Amino acid sequence: MTKLHFMLRFVGFVLLLLSLSACKQEKALQQIDLFKIDWKEIQMQAKGSTVHFMMWQGSPAINSYMNDFLIPKVKELYDIELKLVGGQGPEIVQLVMSEKQAGSNSGQVDMSWINGETFFQLRQINGLWGPFVESLPNSQLIDFDNPHISIDFQQPINYMECPWSITQFAMVHDLEKTPNPPANLSELENWIGENPGQFTISNDFSGMTLLKSFFAEISGDKDGLNGAFDEQKYNRLSGQLWEWINRNKKNFWKEGETFPKEQTKMDQLYANGELSLCYGFGEGSIDDKIRQGLFPNTTKVYPWKNGTIRNSNYLGIHYNASNKAGAMVVINYMISPEAQLRKIDPSGMDANTVLDIDKLSDDWKVKFENREKRKYGATIEELAAYAIQEPDPQYMIRLYEDFRKEVIEK
């Protein structure tokens, strides 16, 4: 045997040993019961690892928070490489279902940004790992007494997903162009008749959330959608809703022949003057857009008279996450006072904290109280009287299906 052959065989043997060692370490890590070891040991297990996080990446402000702040921070503090994977609700559920069908015990993704409908669907297929939230040291700072945080689309979260932000849906208008915006269905019908082409409904999460506000108004009660999904109620209310939309859609943008597929398109249409009314979560999410020059500085936020949806969004760990310890450490930092304070900056992500300020240390209380406030948008406290709790997730699922069948395809 030549020296070269020997060296090649030796290198191959070493690589095989390293590969087997890595496999054994990964398997050992998966077998550790993370609920039976202390937090320091969980941090040690996570050190030097990679966490894959699937999330919606359609917002420049959110992407900046993740790439410019969170990713460097978890690397600096915990030596964790946080890698973002694009995807939201349907993609998350589809990935988990595919891996379950394939019998995969080591998933491509460790954690996801989720709420309501996705949480419901993942629970249906046992796609989440937990309950893990109580194991996070910073979870003791979360305001779990707030039902908009502890209940997700009428479902108790039971510590299977970790609250990250809380938000309320709001209407958006230009004070100069529309000084007296419509705030109920009757007023909206009159307004779009007088201002054809300047309103529409997006065929996405935000648009379906607007329809839930309409649904609640038709029910005659701000809390008319509370409780388990009611088929008879849905059929009665949806029949009236589809009749109202189809009666008026000739005065929608593009005469109701097409509907924007995402919130960013709605923002563009409002920015270029094609729409005079818009809407969104984050109490309308207007401060950053005004600062960027996308929205005019006369843009204001207002509540729908009967109320708008208030909900939280969450972080979940996949049932087959390869790095559950790493995901726990990342999530624990994401709900830390430092990360939550950075997240509510109105010039950045501008997302409300889920922390109970009274539970914070005096130093952090002062920092939260003295933080920069929104200049243009409403605060979540100002809209509190109009807050509607998210209905059962099946309302959202059915609205998506029937909006397509009863409106788009007609």
Protein backbone atom coordinates (compact mmCIF):
# COMPACT_ATOMS: atom_id res chain seq x y z
CA MET A 1 0.00 0.00 0.00
CA THR A 2 1.43 3.39 -0.98
CA LYS A 3 1.77 6.15 1.55
CA LEU A 4 -0.85 8.17 -0.36
CA HIS A 5 -3.37 5.31 -0.23
CA PHE A 6 -2.73 4.87 3.46
CA MET A 7 -3.25 8.57 4.15
CA LEU A 8 -6.48 8.63 2.13
CA ARG A 9 -7.84 5.60 4.01
CA PHE A 10 -6.80 7.15 7.31
CA VAL A 11 -8.52 10.47 6.52
CA GLY A 12 -11.65 8.58 5.43
CA PHE A 13 -11.60 6.60 8.69
CA VAL A 14 -11.26 9.79 10.76
CA LEU A 15 -14.12 11.45 8.88
CA LEU A 16 -16.30 8.39 9.49
CA LEU A 17 -15.51 8.51 13.21
CA LEU A 18 -16.35 12.21 13.34
CA SER A 19 -19.60 11.59 11.50
CA LEU A 20 -20.59 8.78 13.84
CA SER A 21 -19.65 10.91 16.83
CA ALA A 22 -21.79 13.79 15.58
CA CYS A 23 -24.73 11.43 15.02
CA LYS A 24 -24.34 10.02 18.52
CA GLN A 25 -24.18 13.52 20.01
CA GLU A 26 -27.30 14.61 18.10
CA LYS A 27 -29.14 11.46 19.17
CA ALA A 28 -28.01 11.95 22.77
CA LEU A 29 -29.16 15.57 22.67
CA GLN A 30 -32.57 14.48 21.37
CA GLN A 31 -32.86 11.89 24.15
CA ILE A 32 -32.15 14.35 26.97
CA ASP A 33 -35.31 15.21 28.88
CA LEU A 34 -35.13 18.99 28.82
CA PHE A 35 -37.81 19.21 31.49
CA LYS A 36 -35.58 17.40 33.99
CA ILE A 37 -32.43 19.48 33.71
CA ASP A 38 -31.80 23.02 34.96
CA TRP A 39 -31.66 26.10 32.75
CA LYS A 40 -27.86 26.40 32.85
CA GLU A 41 -27.55 22.90 31.44
CA ILE A 42 -30.07 23.72 28.70
CA GLN A 43 -27.93 26.74 27.79
CA MET A 44 -24.85 24.53 27.70
CA GLN A 45 -26.62 22.08 25.39
CA ALA A 46 -27.57 25.01 23.10
CA LYS A 47 -24.12 26.60 23.00
CA GLY A 48 -22.49 26.37 19.58
CA SER A 49 -25.64 25.05 17.91
CA THR A 50 -27.85 26.24 15.04
CA VAL A 51 -31.56 27.04 15.36
CA HIS A 52 -33.80 27.19 12.28
CA PHE A 53 -36.71 29.61 12.67
CA MET A 54 -39.57 29.67 10.15
CA MET A 55 -41.36 33.00 9.97
CA TRP A 56 -43.15 35.42 7.69
CA GLN A 57 -40.61 37.76 6.13
CA GLY A 58 -42.83 40.28 4.39
CA SER A 59 -42.07 43.25 6.64
CA PRO A 60 -38.80 45.20 6.24
CA ALA A 61 -39.10 46.45 9.83
CA ILE A 62 -39.48 42.93 11.23
CA ASN A 63 -36.70 41.62 9.01
CA SER A 64 -34.41 44.40 10.24
CA TYR A 65 -35.19 43.54 13.87
CA MET A 66 -34.34 39.91 13.24
CA ASN A 67 -31.22 40.40 11.10
CA ASP A 68 -29.72 43.49 12.70
CA PHE A 69 -30.58 42.83 16.33
CA LEU A 70 -31.81 39.36 17.28
CA ILE A 71 -29.50 37.19 15.18
CA PRO A 72 -26.29 38.98 16.29
CA LYS A 73 -27.53 39.12 19.89
CA VAL A 74 -28.15 35.38 20.34
CA LYS A 75 -24.81 34.70 18.72
CA GLU A 76 -23.07 37.11 21.09
CA LEU A 77 -24.83 35.94 24.25
CA TYR A 78 -25.28 32.21 23.64
CA ASP A 79 -23.11 31.29 20.64
CA ILE A 80 -26.24 30.22 18.73
CA GLU A 81 -26.52 30.60 14.97
CA LEU A 82 -30.12 31.66 14.30
CA LYS A 83 -31.12 30.99 10.70
CA LEU A 84 -34.40 32.30 9.29
CA VAL A 85 -36.54 30.20 6.97
CA GLY A 86 -39.28 31.93 4.98
CA GLY A 87 -42.80 30.62 5.55
CA GLN A 88 -46.02 31.20 7.43
CA GLY A 89 -49.24 29.40 8.40
CA PRO A 90 -49.96 27.02 5.47
CA GLU A 91 -46.27 26.39 4.76
CA ILE A 92 -45.58 25.59 8.41
CA VAL A 93 -48.47 23.15 8.64
CA GLN A 94 -47.57 21.54 5.32
CA LEU A 95 -43.94 21.06 6.38
CA VAL A 96 -44.91 19.42 9.66
CA MET A 97 -47.49 17.18 7.98
CA SER A 98 -44.96 16.10 5.35
CA GLU A 99 -42.36 15.26 7.99
CA LYS A 100 -44.89 13.32 10.02
CA GLN A 101 -45.91 11.32 6.96
CA ALA A 102 -42.25 10.63 6.23
CA GLY A 103 -41.64 9.56 9.83
CA SER A 104 -38.95 12.18 10.29
CA ASN A 105 -37.72 12.57 13.85
CA SER A 106 -35.28 15.32 12.95
CA GLY A 107 -37.09 18.25 11.35
CA GLN A 108 -35.81 20.92 9.00
CA VAL A 109 -37.16 23.64 11.29
CA ASP A 110 -36.90 23.99 15.07
CA MET A 111 -39.34 26.81 15.82
CA SER A 112 -41.99 28.88 14.06
CA TRP A 113 -43.87 32.15 14.42
CA ILE A 114 -47.53 31.20 14.74
CA ASN A 115 -50.94 32.01 16.13
CA GLY A 116 -54.59 31.00 16.07
CA GLU A 117 -55.39 29.07 12.93
CA THR A 118 -51.87 27.61 12.63
CA PHE A 119 -51.78 26.76 16.33
CA PHE A 120 -55.11 24.96 15.97
CA GLN A 121 -53.98 22.98 12.93
CA LEU A 122 -50.64 22.02 14.47
CA ARG A 123 -52.37 20.86 17.65
CA GLN A 124 -54.71 18.72 15.55
CA ILE A 125 -51.73 16.77 14.19
CA ASN A 126 -49.63 16.89 17.38
CA GLY A 127 -47.14 19.03 15.54
CA LEU A 128 -45.87 21.03 18.51
CA TRP A 129 -43.50 20.06 21.30
CA GLY A 130 -44.28 21.00 24.87
CA PRO A 131 -45.59 22.29 27.12
CA PHE A 132 -42.29 24.17 27.34
CA VAL A 133 -43.15 27.79 28.16
CA GLU A 134 -43.10 27.46 31.95
CA SER A 135 -39.54 26.13 31.67
CA LEU A 136 -38.36 29.48 30.29
CA PRO A 137 -37.06 31.76 33.09
CA ASN A 138 -38.42 34.90 31.42
CA SER A 139 -41.93 33.43 31.12
CA GLN A 140 -42.59 34.55 34.69
CA LEU A 141 -42.62 38.12 33.35
CA ILE A 142 -45.42 37.49 30.82
CA ASP A 143 -48.88 38.89 31.49
CA PHE A 144 -50.74 35.57 31.41
CA ASP A 145 -53.68 37.20 33.24
CA ASN A 146 -54.51 38.98 29.98
CA PRO A 147 -56.99 36.73 28.11
CA HIS A 148 -55.79 38.16 24.78
CA ILE A 149 -52.42 36.59 25.62
CA SER A 150 -53.32 33.37 27.43
CA ILE A 151 -56.11 32.48 24.97
CA ASP A 152 -55.38 32.13 21.26
CA PHE A 153 -58.46 32.07 18.99
CA GLN A 154 -60.61 30.76 21.89
CA GLN A 155 -57.95 28.12 22.67
CA PRO A 156 -56.04 28.16 25.98
CA ILE A 157 -52.39 28.07 24.96
CA ASN A 158 -51.54 25.70 27.85
CA TYR A 159 -47.87 26.70 27.58
CA MET A 160 -47.58 24.96 24.18
CA GLU A 161 -46.68 28.24 22.47
CA CYS A 162 -44.90 31.25 23.91
CA PRO A 163 -46.45 34.74 23.58
CA TRP A 164 -44.22 37.15 21.64
CA SER A 165 -46.30 40.23 20.75
CA ILE A 166 -49.84 41.53 21.26
CA THR A 167 -51.62 43.69 18.70
CA GLN A 168 -54.96 45.14 17.69
CA PHE A 169 -56.45 45.53 14.26
CA ALA A 170 -57.32 49.09 13.22
CA MET A 171 -58.62 51.06 10.26
CA VAL A 172 -56.39 53.56 8.44
CA HIS A 173 -57.35 56.74 6.55
CA ASP A 174 -55.91 60.02 5.27
CA LEU A 175 -57.32 62.84 7.37
CA GLU A 176 -57.15 65.30 4.46
CA LYS A 177 -58.79 63.04 1.87
CA THR A 178 -61.26 61.29 4.17
CA PRO A 179 -61.87 63.46 7.25
CA ASN A 180 -64.93 61.45 8.33
CA PRO A 181 -64.16 57.80 7.52
CA PRO A 182 -66.86 55.13 7.67
CA ALA A 183 -66.90 53.08 10.88
CA ASN A 184 -69.73 50.60 10.33
CA LEU A 185 -71.12 48.63 7.40
CA SER A 186 -73.93 51.06 6.66
CA GLU A 187 -71.53 54.01 6.55
CA LEU A 188 -69.03 52.00 4.49
CA GLU A 189 -71.69 51.12 1.91
CA ASN A 190 -72.59 54.78 1.49
CA TRP A 191 -68.93 55.83 1.39
CA ILE A 192 -67.82 53.39 -1.30
CA GLY A 193 -70.88 54.33 -3.36
CA GLU A 194 -69.68 57.94 -3.26
CA ASN A 195 -65.99 57.00 -3.65
CA PRO A 196 -65.89 54.05 -6.05
CA GLY A 197 -62.63 52.15 -6.44
CA GLN A 198 -61.09 53.42 -3.21
CA PHE A 199 -61.76 50.39 -0.98
CA THR A 200 -61.14 46.67 -1.21
CA ILE A 201 -60.58 43.56 0.89
CA SER A 202 -57.28 41.71 0.71
CA ASN A 203 -57.42 37.95 0.32
CA ASP A 204 -55.04 37.32 3.20
CA PHE A 205 -54.88 37.14 6.99
CA SER A 206 -55.55 40.88 7.37
CA GLY A 207 -58.49 40.85 4.99
CA MET A 208 -60.07 37.88 6.73
CA THR A 209 -59.55 39.64 10.06
CA LEU A 210 -61.48 42.63 8.71
CA LEU A 211 -64.28 40.22 7.74
CA LYS A 212 -64.36 38.91 11.31
CA SER A 213 -65.00 42.48 12.50
CA PHE A 214 -67.81 42.70 9.95
CA PHE A 215 -69.07 39.32 11.18
CA ALA A 216 -69.21 40.55 14.76
CA GLU A 217 -71.10 43.66 13.69
CA ILE A 218 -73.66 41.59 11.80
CA SER A 219 -74.10 39.40 14.87
CA GLY A 220 -75.24 42.51 16.74
CA ASP A 221 -72.73 42.07 19.57
CA LYS A 222 -69.04 42.89 19.96
CA ASP A 223 -68.64 39.49 21.61
CA GLY A 224 -71.02 37.73 19.27
CA LEU A 225 -68.40 35.29 17.98
CA ASN A 226 -67.14 34.06 21.35
CA GLY A 227 -67.32 30.37 22.16
CA ALA A 228 -66.95 27.25 20.07
CA PHE A 229 -67.53 27.36 16.32
CA ASP A 230 -71.25 27.39 15.57
CA GLU A 231 -72.20 26.12 12.11
CA GLN A 232 -75.68 27.60 12.16
CA LYS A 233 -74.38 30.96 13.31
CA TYR A 234 -71.69 30.89 10.65
CA ASN A 235 -74.15 30.11 7.87
CA ARG A 236 -76.54 32.84 8.99
CA LEU A 237 -73.89 35.54 9.37
CA SER A 238 -71.83 34.58 6.32
CA GLY A 239 -74.92 34.64 4.10
CA GLN A 240 -75.52 38.26 5.10
CA LEU A 241 -71.84 39.12 4.72
CA TRP A 242 -71.46 37.67 1.21
CA GLU A 243 -74.68 39.40 0.15
CA TRP A 244 -73.33 42.75 1.41
CA ILE A 245 -69.96 42.30 -0.35
CA ASN A 246 -71.42 41.13 -3.66
CA ARG A 247 -73.96 43.95 -3.61
CA ASN A 248 -71.18 46.52 -3.22
CA LYS A 249 -68.11 45.04 -4.89
CA LYS A 250 -68.85 46.83 -8.18
CA ASN A 251 -67.64 49.91 -6.27
CA PHE A 252 -64.53 48.19 -4.92
CA TRP A 253 -61.03 48.67 -6.34
CA LYS A 254 -60.88 47.24 -9.89
CA GLU A 255 -64.70 46.93 -9.69
CA GLY A 256 -64.29 43.89 -7.47
CA GLU A 257 -62.89 41.80 -10.32
CA THR A 258 -59.68 41.09 -8.42
CA PHE A 259 -58.52 41.31 -4.81
CA PRO A 260 -55.01 42.00 -3.44
CA LYS A 261 -53.34 38.86 -2.14
CA GLU A 262 -51.36 40.39 0.71
CA GLN A 263 -51.15 43.34 3.07
CA THR A 264 -48.07 44.83 1.41
CA LYS A 265 -50.08 45.31 -1.79
CA MET A 266 -52.79 47.10 0.20
CA ASP A 267 -50.14 49.41 1.64
CA GLN A 268 -48.82 50.18 -1.85
CA LEU A 269 -52.30 50.95 -3.15
CA TYR A 270 -52.95 53.28 -0.24
CA ALA A 271 -49.53 54.91 -0.64
CA ASN A 272 -50.05 55.70 -4.32
CA GLY A 273 -53.55 57.04 -3.73
CA GLU A 274 -55.56 54.25 -5.35
CA LEU A 275 -57.14 53.39 -1.99
CA SER A 276 -58.34 55.93 0.55
CA LEU A 277 -59.02 53.37 3.27
CA CYS A 278 -56.68 50.70 4.53
CA TYR A 279 -56.23 48.60 7.68
CA GLY A 280 -53.80 46.43 9.54
CA PHE A 281 -52.50 45.00 12.78
CA GLY A 282 -49.99 46.80 14.99
CA GLU A 283 -52.77 49.35 15.61
CA GLY A 284 -52.59 50.11 11.90
CA SER A 285 -48.78 49.99 11.57
CA ILE A 286 -48.43 53.51 10.21
CA ASP A 287 -45.52 55.18 12.06
CA ASP A 288 -42.72 53.44 10.20
CA LYS A 289 -44.47 53.89 6.84
CA ILE A 290 -44.88 57.63 7.46
CA ARG A 291 -41.23 57.93 8.51
CA GLN A 292 -40.19 56.19 5.28
CA GLY A 293 -42.32 58.57 3.24
CA LEU A 294 -44.55 55.73 2.05
CA PHE A 295 -47.70 57.09 3.76
CA PRO A 296 -48.59 60.80 3.97
CA ASN A 297 -48.15 62.29 7.45
CA THR A 298 -51.88 63.04 7.50
CA THR A 299 -52.52 59.30 7.85
CA LYS A 300 -54.47 58.42 10.97
CA VAL A 301 -55.82 55.30 12.68
CA TYR A 302 -59.38 54.84 13.90
CA PRO A 303 -61.48 52.04 15.41
CA TRP A 304 -64.40 50.23 13.81
CA LYS A 305 -67.38 51.18 15.99
CA ASN A 306 -68.37 47.63 16.90
CA GLY A 307 -64.76 46.70 17.56
CA THR A 308 -61.73 45.07 15.95
CA ILE A 309 -59.74 41.94 16.69
CA ARG A 310 -57.04 42.01 19.35
CA ASN A 311 -54.74 39.01 19.46
CA SER A 312 -51.26 37.84 20.26
CA ASN A 313 -48.71 36.03 18.16
CA TYR A 314 -46.56 33.24 19.47
CA LEU A 315 -43.46 31.11 19.12
CA GLY A 316 -43.82 27.34 18.89
CA ILE A 317 -41.29 24.52 18.87
CA HIS A 318 -41.84 21.74 16.33
CA TYR A 319 -42.51 18.23 17.65
CA ASN A 320 -39.42 16.92 15.83
CA ALA A 321 -37.13 19.92 16.28
CA SER A 322 -33.51 18.85 16.00
CA ASN A 323 -32.45 21.51 18.48
CA LYS A 324 -35.14 21.97 21.10
CA ALA A 325 -32.64 23.28 23.66
CA GLY A 326 -31.44 25.95 21.24
CA ALA A 327 -35.01 26.94 20.39
CA MET A 328 -35.82 27.31 24.09
CA VAL A 329 -32.82 29.57 24.66
CA VAL A 330 -33.67 31.74 21.65
CA ILE A 331 -37.32 32.06 22.68
CA ASN A 332 -36.37 32.87 26.25
CA TYR A 333 -34.25 35.75 24.98
CA MET A 334 -37.03 36.93 22.62
CA ILE A 335 -39.28 37.47 25.66
CA SER A 336 -36.55 39.12 27.74
CA PRO A 337 -37.01 42.77 28.76
CA GLU A 338 -34.09 43.76 26.52
CA ALA A 339 -35.48 42.12 23.39
CA GLN A 340 -39.08 43.20 24.09
CA LEU A 341 -38.05 46.82 24.67
CA ARG A 342 -36.14 46.87 21.39
CA LYS A 343 -39.14 45.34 19.63
CA ILE A 344 -41.57 48.10 20.65
CA ASP A 345 -39.44 50.89 19.17
CA PRO A 346 -41.85 52.80 16.85
CA SER A 347 -39.02 53.46 14.40
CA GLY A 348 -38.40 49.72 14.18
CA MET A 349 -40.62 46.68 14.57
CA ASP A 350 -43.15 48.70 16.63
CA ALA A 351 -44.74 45.66 18.31
CA ASN A 352 -46.36 45.73 21.76
CA THR A 353 -44.79 43.81 24.61
CA VAL A 354 -46.43 40.77 26.20
CA LEU A 355 -44.63 41.43 29.47
CA ASP A 356 -46.37 42.63 32.62
CA ILE A 357 -44.48 45.85 33.35
CA ASP A 358 -45.28 45.57 37.06
CA LYS A 359 -43.26 42.35 37.20
CA LEU A 360 -40.09 44.01 35.90
CA SER A 361 -37.22 45.33 37.98
CA ASP A 362 -37.28 49.04 38.72
CA ASP A 363 -34.55 49.72 36.14
CA TRP A 364 -36.51 48.02 33.36
CA LYS A 365 -39.77 49.68 34.44
CA VAL A 366 -38.14 53.07 33.96
CA LYS A 367 -36.79 52.08 30.54
CA PHE A 368 -40.22 50.92 29.36
CA GLU A 369 -41.94 54.01 30.75
CA ASN A 370 -39.41 56.36 29.14
CA ARG A 371 -39.34 54.62 25.77
CA GLU A 372 -40.02 56.51 22.56
CA LYS A 373 -43.76 56.62 21.86
CA ARG A 374 -45.62 56.48 18.57
CA LYS A 375 -45.94 59.86 16.89
CA TYR A 376 -48.76 59.07 14.47
CA GLY A 377 -50.46 55.80 15.33
CA ALA A 378 -52.86 54.94 18.13
CA THR A 379 -51.71 52.96 21.14
CA ILE A 380 -53.20 49.63 22.06
CA GLU A 381 -54.49 51.22 25.26
CA GLU A 382 -56.44 53.81 23.26
CA LEU A 383 -58.22 51.06 21.35
CA ALA A 384 -58.90 48.88 24.40
CA ALA A 385 -62.63 49.67 24.50
CA TYR A 386 -62.96 48.33 20.95
CA ALA A 387 -61.06 45.07 21.46
CA ILE A 388 -62.70 41.88 20.22
CA GLN A 389 -61.27 38.51 21.15
CA GLU A 390 -60.32 36.26 18.25
CA PRO A 391 -63.10 33.76 17.44
CA ASP A 392 -62.65 30.02 17.06
CA PRO A 393 -60.07 29.28 14.30
CA GLN A 394 -62.66 27.48 12.22
CA TYR A 395 -64.28 30.83 11.46
CA MET A 396 -61.06 31.98 9.82
CA ILE A 397 -60.64 28.69 7.93
CA ARG A 398 -64.19 28.88 6.58
CA LEU A 399 -63.90 32.58 5.70
CA TYR A 400 -60.87 31.87 3.53
CA GLU A 401 -62.68 29.07 1.71
CA ASP A 402 -65.98 30.86 1.26
CA PHE A 403 -64.55 34.27 0.36
CA ARG A 404 -62.99 32.54 -2.62
CA LYS A 405 -66.15 30.59 -3.53
CA GLU A 406 -68.81 33.18 -2.70
CA VAL A 407 -67.02 36.38 -3.75
CA ILE A 408 -63.88 35.94 -5.86
CA GLU A 409 -65.27 33.22 -8.13
CA LYS A 410 -68.67 34.88 -8.59
